[in-house]
PDB file of N, CA and C in Angstrom:
ATOM      1  N   MET A   1      62.435  34.905  32.725  1.00  0.00           N
ATOM      2  CA  MET A   1      61.207  34.755  33.953  1.00  0.00           C
ATOM      3  C   MET A   1      60.409  34.452  32.659  1.00  0.00           C
ATOM      4  N   TYR A   2      59.681  33.417  32.804  1.00  0.00           N
ATOM      5  CA  TYR A   2      58.340  32.877  31.871  1.00  0.00           C
ATOM      6  C   TYR A   2      56.935  32.474  32.924  1.00  0.00           C
ATOM      7  N   GLU A   3      56.236  33.651  32.019  1.00  0.00           N
ATOM      8  CA  GLU A   3      54.726  33.387  32.705  1.00  0.00           C
ATOM      9  C   GLU A   3      54.160  31.952  32.286  1.00  0.00           C
ATOM     10  N   HIS A   4      53.829  31.287  33.283  1.00  0.00           N
ATOM     11  CA  HIS A   4      52.736  29.864  32.667  1.00  0.00           C
ATOM     12  C   HIS A   4      51.471  29.582  33.612  1.00  0.00           C
ATOM     13  N   HIS A   5      50.135  29.733  32.537  1.00  0.00           N
ATOM     14  CA  HIS A   5      48.857  29.759  32.798  1.00  0.00           C
ATOM     15  C   HIS A   5      48.419  27.839  33.068  1.00  0.00           C
ATOM     16  N   PHE A   6      48.021  27.543  34.311  1.00  0.00           N
ATOM     17  CA  PHE A   6      47.702  26.471  34.314  1.00  0.00           C
ATOM     18  C   PHE A   6      46.668  26.108  35.101  1.00  0.00           C
ATOM     19  N   GLN A   7      45.638  24.845  35.341  1.00  0.00           N
ATOM     20  CA  GLN A   7      44.502  24.812  36.613  1.00  0.00           C
ATOM     21  C   GLN A   7      45.376  24.034  37.502  1.00  0.00           C
ATOM     22  N   CYS A   8      44.910  24.603  38.858  1.00  0.00           N
ATOM     23  CA  CYS A   8      45.004  23.932  39.981  1.00  0.00           C
ATOM     24  C   CYS A   8      44.472  22.389  39.814  1.00  0.00           C
ATOM     25  N   PRO A   9      45.403  21.542  40.352  1.00  0.00           N
ATOM     26  CA  PRO A   9      44.872  20.215  40.462  1.00  0.00           C
ATOM     27  C   PRO A   9      44.119  19.967  41.524  1.00  0.00           C
ATOM     28  N   TYR A  10      43.688  20.886  42.764  1.00  0.00           N
ATOM     29  CA  TYR A  10      42.824  21.358  43.896  1.00  0.00           C
ATOM     30  C   TYR A  10      41.700  21.663  43.642  1.00  0.00           C
ATOM     31  N   CYS A  11      41.336  22.536  43.513  1.00  0.00           N
ATOM     32  CA  CYS A  11      40.025  23.734  42.700  1.00  0.00           C
ATOM     33  C   CYS A  11      39.804  24.037  41.745  1.00  0.00           C
ATOM     34  N   TRP A  12      40.838  23.681  40.599  1.00  0.00           N
ATOM     35  CA  TRP A  12      40.723  23.418  39.504  1.00  0.00           C
ATOM     36  C   TRP A  12      40.317  25.261  39.128  1.00  0.00           C
ATOM     37  N   GLU A  13      40.759  26.168  39.558  1.00  0.00           N
ATOM     38  CA  GLU A  13      40.912  27.656  39.228  1.00  0.00           C
ATOM     39  C   GLU A  13      42.060  27.910  37.984  1.00  0.00           C
ATOM     40  N   ASP A  14      42.088  28.463  36.936  1.00  0.00           N
ATOM     41  CA  ASP A  14      43.103  29.093  36.496  1.00  0.00           C
ATOM     42  C   ASP A  14      44.057  29.968  36.580  1.00  0.00           C
ATOM     43  N   ILE A  15      45.353  29.689  37.247  1.00  0.00           N
ATOM     44  CA  ILE A  15      46.335  30.284  38.409  1.00  0.00           C
ATOM     45  C   ILE A  15      47.446  30.834  36.813  1.00  0.00           C
ATOM     46  N   SER A  16      48.349  31.560  37.465  1.00  0.00           N
ATOM     47  CA  SER A  16      49.852  31.766  36.672  1.00  0.00           C
ATOM     48  C   SER A  16      50.754  32.141  37.427  1.00  0.00           C
ATOM     49  N   MET A  17      51.926  31.268  36.992  1.00  0.00           N
ATOM     50  CA  MET A  17      52.990  31.388  37.944  1.00  0.00           C
ATOM     51  C   MET A  17      54.074  31.733  37.000  1.00  0.00           C
ATOM     52  N   LEU A  18      55.070  32.472  37.437  1.00  0.00           N
ATOM     53  CA  LEU A  18      56.568  32.770  36.981  1.00  0.00           C
ATOM     54  C   LEU A  18      57.404  31.661  37.356  1.00  0.00           C
ATOM     55  N   LEU A  19      58.153  31.298  36.062  1.00  0.00           N
ATOM     56  CA  LEU A  19      59.028  30.188  35.636  1.00  0.00           C
ATOM     57  C   LEU A  19      60.467  30.448  35.576  1.00  0.00           C
ATOM     58  N   ASP A  20      61.298  30.257  36.185  1.00  0.00           N
ATOM     59  CA  ASP A  20      62.980  30.514  35.947  1.00  0.00           C
ATOM     60  C   ASP A  20      63.230  29.740  34.432  1.00  0.00           C
ATOM     61  N   SER A  21      63.073  29.892  33.375  1.00  0.00           N
ATOM     62  CA  SER A  21      63.863  29.348  32.195  1.00  0.00           C
ATOM     63  C   SER A  21      65.274  29.413  32.287  1.00  0.00           C
ATOM     64  N   SER A  22      66.263  30.035  33.068  1.00  0.00           N
ATOM     65  CA  SER A  22      67.294  29.921  33.337  1.00  0.00           C
ATOM     66  C   SER A  22      67.854  28.539  33.800  1.00  0.00           C
ATOM     67  N   ILE A  23      66.666  27.582  34.179  1.00  0.00           N
ATOM     68  CA  ILE A  23      67.181  26.246  34.995  1.00  0.00           C
ATOM     69  C   ILE A  23      66.399  25.108  33.934  1.00  0.00           C
ATOM     70  N   GLY A  24      67.025  24.376  33.866  1.00  0.00           N
ATOM     71  CA  GLY A  24      66.682  23.350  32.569  1.00  0.00           C
ATOM     72  C   GLY A  24      65.637  22.254  33.338  1.00  0.00           C
ATOM     73  N   LYS A  25      65.750  21.962  34.313  1.00  0.00           N
ATOM     74  CA  LYS A  25      64.808  21.105  34.730  1.00  0.00           C
ATOM     75  C   LYS A  25      64.754  21.049  36.484  1.00  0.00           C
ATOM     76  N   GLN A  26      63.805  21.411  36.993  1.00  0.00           N
ATOM     77  CA  GLN A  26      63.561  21.943  38.094  1.00  0.00           C
ATOM     78  C   GLN A  26      61.900  21.318  38.943  1.00  0.00           C
ATOM     79  N   THR A  27      62.384  20.721  40.059  1.00  0.00           N
ATOM     80  CA  THR A  27      60.623  19.989  40.680  1.00  0.00           C
ATOM     81  C   THR A  27      60.688  20.968  42.017  1.00  0.00           C
ATOM     82  N   TYR A  28      59.736  21.681  42.666  1.00  0.00           N
ATOM     83  CA  TYR A  28      59.189  22.240  43.710  1.00  0.00           C
ATOM     84  C   TYR A  28      57.906  22.438  44.275  1.00  0.00           C
ATOM     85  N   ILE A  29      57.936  22.976  45.100  1.00  0.00           N
ATOM     86  CA  ILE A  29      56.459  23.067  45.863  1.00  0.00           C
ATOM     87  C   ILE A  29      56.326  24.256  46.104  1.00  0.00           C
ATOM     88  N   GLU A  30      54.604  24.656  45.388  1.00  0.00           N
ATOM     89  CA  GLU A  30      54.313  26.172  45.356  1.00  0.00           C
ATOM     90  C   GLU A  30      53.054  26.322  45.961  1.00  0.00           C
ATOM     91  N   ASP A  31      52.414  26.789  46.603  1.00  0.00           N
ATOM     92  CA  ASP A  31      50.870  26.841  47.141  1.00  0.00           C
ATOM     93  C   ASP A  31      50.259  27.670  46.066  1.00  0.00           C
ATOM     94  N   CYS A  32      48.985  26.966  45.875  1.00  0.00           N
ATOM     95  CA  CYS A  32      47.988  27.661  44.951  1.00  0.00           C
ATOM     96  C   CYS A  32      47.483  28.860  45.423  1.00  0.00           C
ATOM     97  N   GLU A  33      47.629  30.085  44.804  1.00  0.00           N
ATOM     98  CA  GLU A  33      47.382  31.534  45.223  1.00  0.00           C
ATOM     99  C   GLU A  33      45.673  31.483  45.294  1.00  0.00           C
ATOM    100  N   ILE A  34      45.119  30.563  45.069  1.00  0.00           N
ATOM    101  CA  ILE A  34      43.576  30.870  45.187  1.00  0.00           C
ATOM    102  C   ILE A  34      43.000  29.847  46.817  1.00  0.00           C
ATOM    103  N   CYS A  35      43.610  28.427  46.328  1.00  0.00           N
ATOM    104  CA  CYS A  35      43.174  27.445  47.510  1.00  0.00           C
ATOM    105  C   CYS A  35      44.125  27.316  48.655  1.00  0.00           C
ATOM    106  N   CYS A  36      45.559  27.950  48.358  1.00  0.00           N
ATOM    107  CA  CYS A  36      46.379  27.392  49.475  1.00  0.00           C
ATOM    108  C   CYS A  36      47.132  26.183  49.393  1.00  0.00           C
ATOM    109  N   ASN A  37      46.402  24.995  48.700  1.00  0.00           N
ATOM    110  CA  ASN A  37      47.069  23.551  48.794  1.00  0.00           C
ATOM    111  C   ASN A  37      47.967  23.786  48.092  1.00  0.00           C
ATOM    112  N   PRO A  38      49.332  22.828  48.719  1.00  0.00           N
ATOM    113  CA  PRO A  38      50.499  22.634  47.688  1.00  0.00           C
ATOM    114  C   PRO A  38      50.723  22.166  46.977  1.00  0.00           C
ATOM    115  N   ILE A  39      51.242  22.734  45.337  1.00  0.00           N
ATOM    116  CA  ILE A  39      51.383  21.943  44.111  1.00  0.00           C
ATOM    117  C   ILE A  39      52.559  21.380  44.130  1.00  0.00           C
ATOM    118  N   GLU A  40      53.089  20.099  43.718  1.00  0.00           N
ATOM    119  CA  GLU A  40      54.318  19.825  43.447  1.00  0.00           C
ATOM    120  C   GLU A  40      54.384  20.239  41.734  1.00  0.00           C
ATOM    121  N   LEU A  41      55.461  21.002  41.517  1.00  0.00           N
ATOM    122  CA  LEU A  41      55.523  21.197  40.147  1.00  0.00           C
ATOM    123  C   LEU A  41      56.845  20.615  39.396  1.00  0.00           C
ATOM    124  N   THR A  42      56.941  20.211  38.510  1.00  0.00           N
ATOM    125  CA  THR A  42      57.785  19.964  37.107  1.00  0.00           C
ATOM    126  C   THR A  42      57.959  20.388  36.133  1.00  0.00           C
ATOM    127  N   VAL A  43      59.207  21.192  36.008  1.00  0.00           N
ATOM    128  CA  VAL A  43      58.830  21.954  34.627  1.00  0.00           C
ATOM    129  C   VAL A  43      60.497  21.902  34.354  1.00  0.00           C
ATOM    130  N   VAL A  44      60.336  21.565  32.696  1.00  0.00           N
ATOM    131  CA  VAL A  44      61.373  21.360  32.006  1.00  0.00           C
ATOM    132  C   VAL A  44      61.181  22.429  30.499  1.00  0.00           C
ATOM    133  N   PHE A  45      62.677  23.419  30.479  1.00  0.00           N
ATOM    134  CA  PHE A  45      63.092  23.958  29.680  1.00  0.00           C
ATOM    135  C   PHE A  45      64.320  23.531  28.924  1.00  0.00           C
ATOM    136  N   GLU A  46      64.103  23.638  27.428  1.00  0.00           N
ATOM    137  CA  GLU A  46      65.247  23.689  26.709  1.00  0.00           C
ATOM    138  C   GLU A  46      65.844  24.795  25.697  1.00  0.00           C
ATOM    139  N   GLU A  47      66.509  25.153  25.957  1.00  0.00           N
ATOM    140  CA  GLU A  47      66.974  26.596  25.022  1.00  0.00           C
ATOM    141  C   GLU A  47      65.949  27.732  25.326  1.00  0.00           C
ATOM    142  N   ASN A  48      65.752  27.754  26.434  1.00  0.00           N
ATOM    143  CA  ASN A  48      64.982  28.687  27.722  1.00  0.00           C
ATOM    144  C   ASN A  48      63.401  28.564  26.658  1.00  0.00           C
ATOM    145  N   GLU A  49      63.095  27.760  26.049  1.00  0.00           N
ATOM    146  CA  GLU A  49      61.457  27.144  25.700  1.00  0.00           C
ATOM    147  C   GLU A  49      60.978  26.468  26.921  1.00  0.00           C
ATOM    148  N   LEU A  50      59.829  26.237  27.469  1.00  0.00           N
ATOM    149  CA  LEU A  50      58.907  25.694  28.468  1.00  0.00           C
ATOM    150  C   LEU A  50      58.942  24.404  27.189  1.00  0.00           C
ATOM    151  N   ILE A  51      58.998  23.137  27.585  1.00  0.00           N
ATOM    152  CA  ILE A  51      58.653  21.765  27.053  1.00  0.00           C
ATOM    153  C   ILE A  51      57.926  20.680  27.551  1.00  0.00           C
ATOM    154  N   SER A  52      57.828  20.527  29.218  1.00  0.00           N
ATOM    155  CA  SER A  52      57.086  20.020  29.768  1.00  0.00           C
ATOM    156  C   SER A  52      56.662  20.786  30.791  1.00  0.00           C
ATOM    157  N   PHE A  53      55.280  20.522  31.252  1.00  0.00           N
ATOM    158  CA  PHE A  53      54.692  21.218  32.840  1.00  0.00           C
ATOM    159  C   PHE A  53      54.000  20.766  33.508  1.00  0.00           C
ATOM    160  N   ILE A  54      54.467  20.054  34.590  1.00  0.00           N
ATOM    161  CA  ILE A  54      53.123  19.086  35.307  1.00  0.00           C
ATOM    162  C   ILE A  54      53.080  19.260  36.969  1.00  0.00           C
ATOM    163  N   ALA A  55      51.898  19.673  37.008  1.00  0.00           N
ATOM    164  CA  ALA A  55      51.390  19.964  38.377  1.00  0.00           C
ATOM    165  C   ALA A  55      50.412  19.193  38.916  1.00  0.00           C
ATOM    166  N   ASN A  56      50.804  18.394  39.878  1.00  0.00           N
ATOM    167  CA  ASN A  56      50.509  17.335  40.689  1.00  0.00           C
ATOM    168  C   ASN A  56      50.151  18.040  42.387  1.00  0.00           C
ATOM    169  N   ASN A  57      48.907  17.159  42.778  1.00  0.00           N
ATOM    170  CA  ASN A  57      48.497  17.793  43.683  1.00  0.00           C
ATOM    171  C   ASN A  57      49.606  16.487  45.081  1.00  0.00           C
ATOM    172  N   ILE A  58      49.848  16.759  46.352  1.00  0.00           N
ATOM    173  CA  ILE A  58      50.352  16.427  47.309  1.00  0.00           C
ATOM    174  C   ILE A  58      49.509  15.647  48.349  1.00  0.00           C
ATOM    175  N   GLU A  59      49.553  14.513  48.044  1.00  0.00           N
ATOM    176  CA  GLU A  59      48.768  13.429  48.845  1.00  0.00           C
ATOM    177  C   GLU A  59      49.056  13.923  50.098  1.00  0.00           C
ATOM    178  N   GLN A  60      47.818  13.915  51.116  1.00  0.00           N
ATOM    179  CA  GLN A  60      48.128  14.222  52.398  1.00  0.00           C
ATOM    180  C   GLN A  60      47.634  12.960  53.287  1.00  0.00           C
TER     181      GLN A  60
END
């Protein structure tokens, strides 16, 4: 597991999430722990190193 800190695209608060580095590329939705809005996360790991992390808001 890999802990990553980033800014929520809705409330701009600093939050952290645990990411599974054993999966090379993944896209999933996780709620912000502060404002509870859904965040679409796209994460890419190569050889257990994070090479790309994108957190987007979901248009409602």
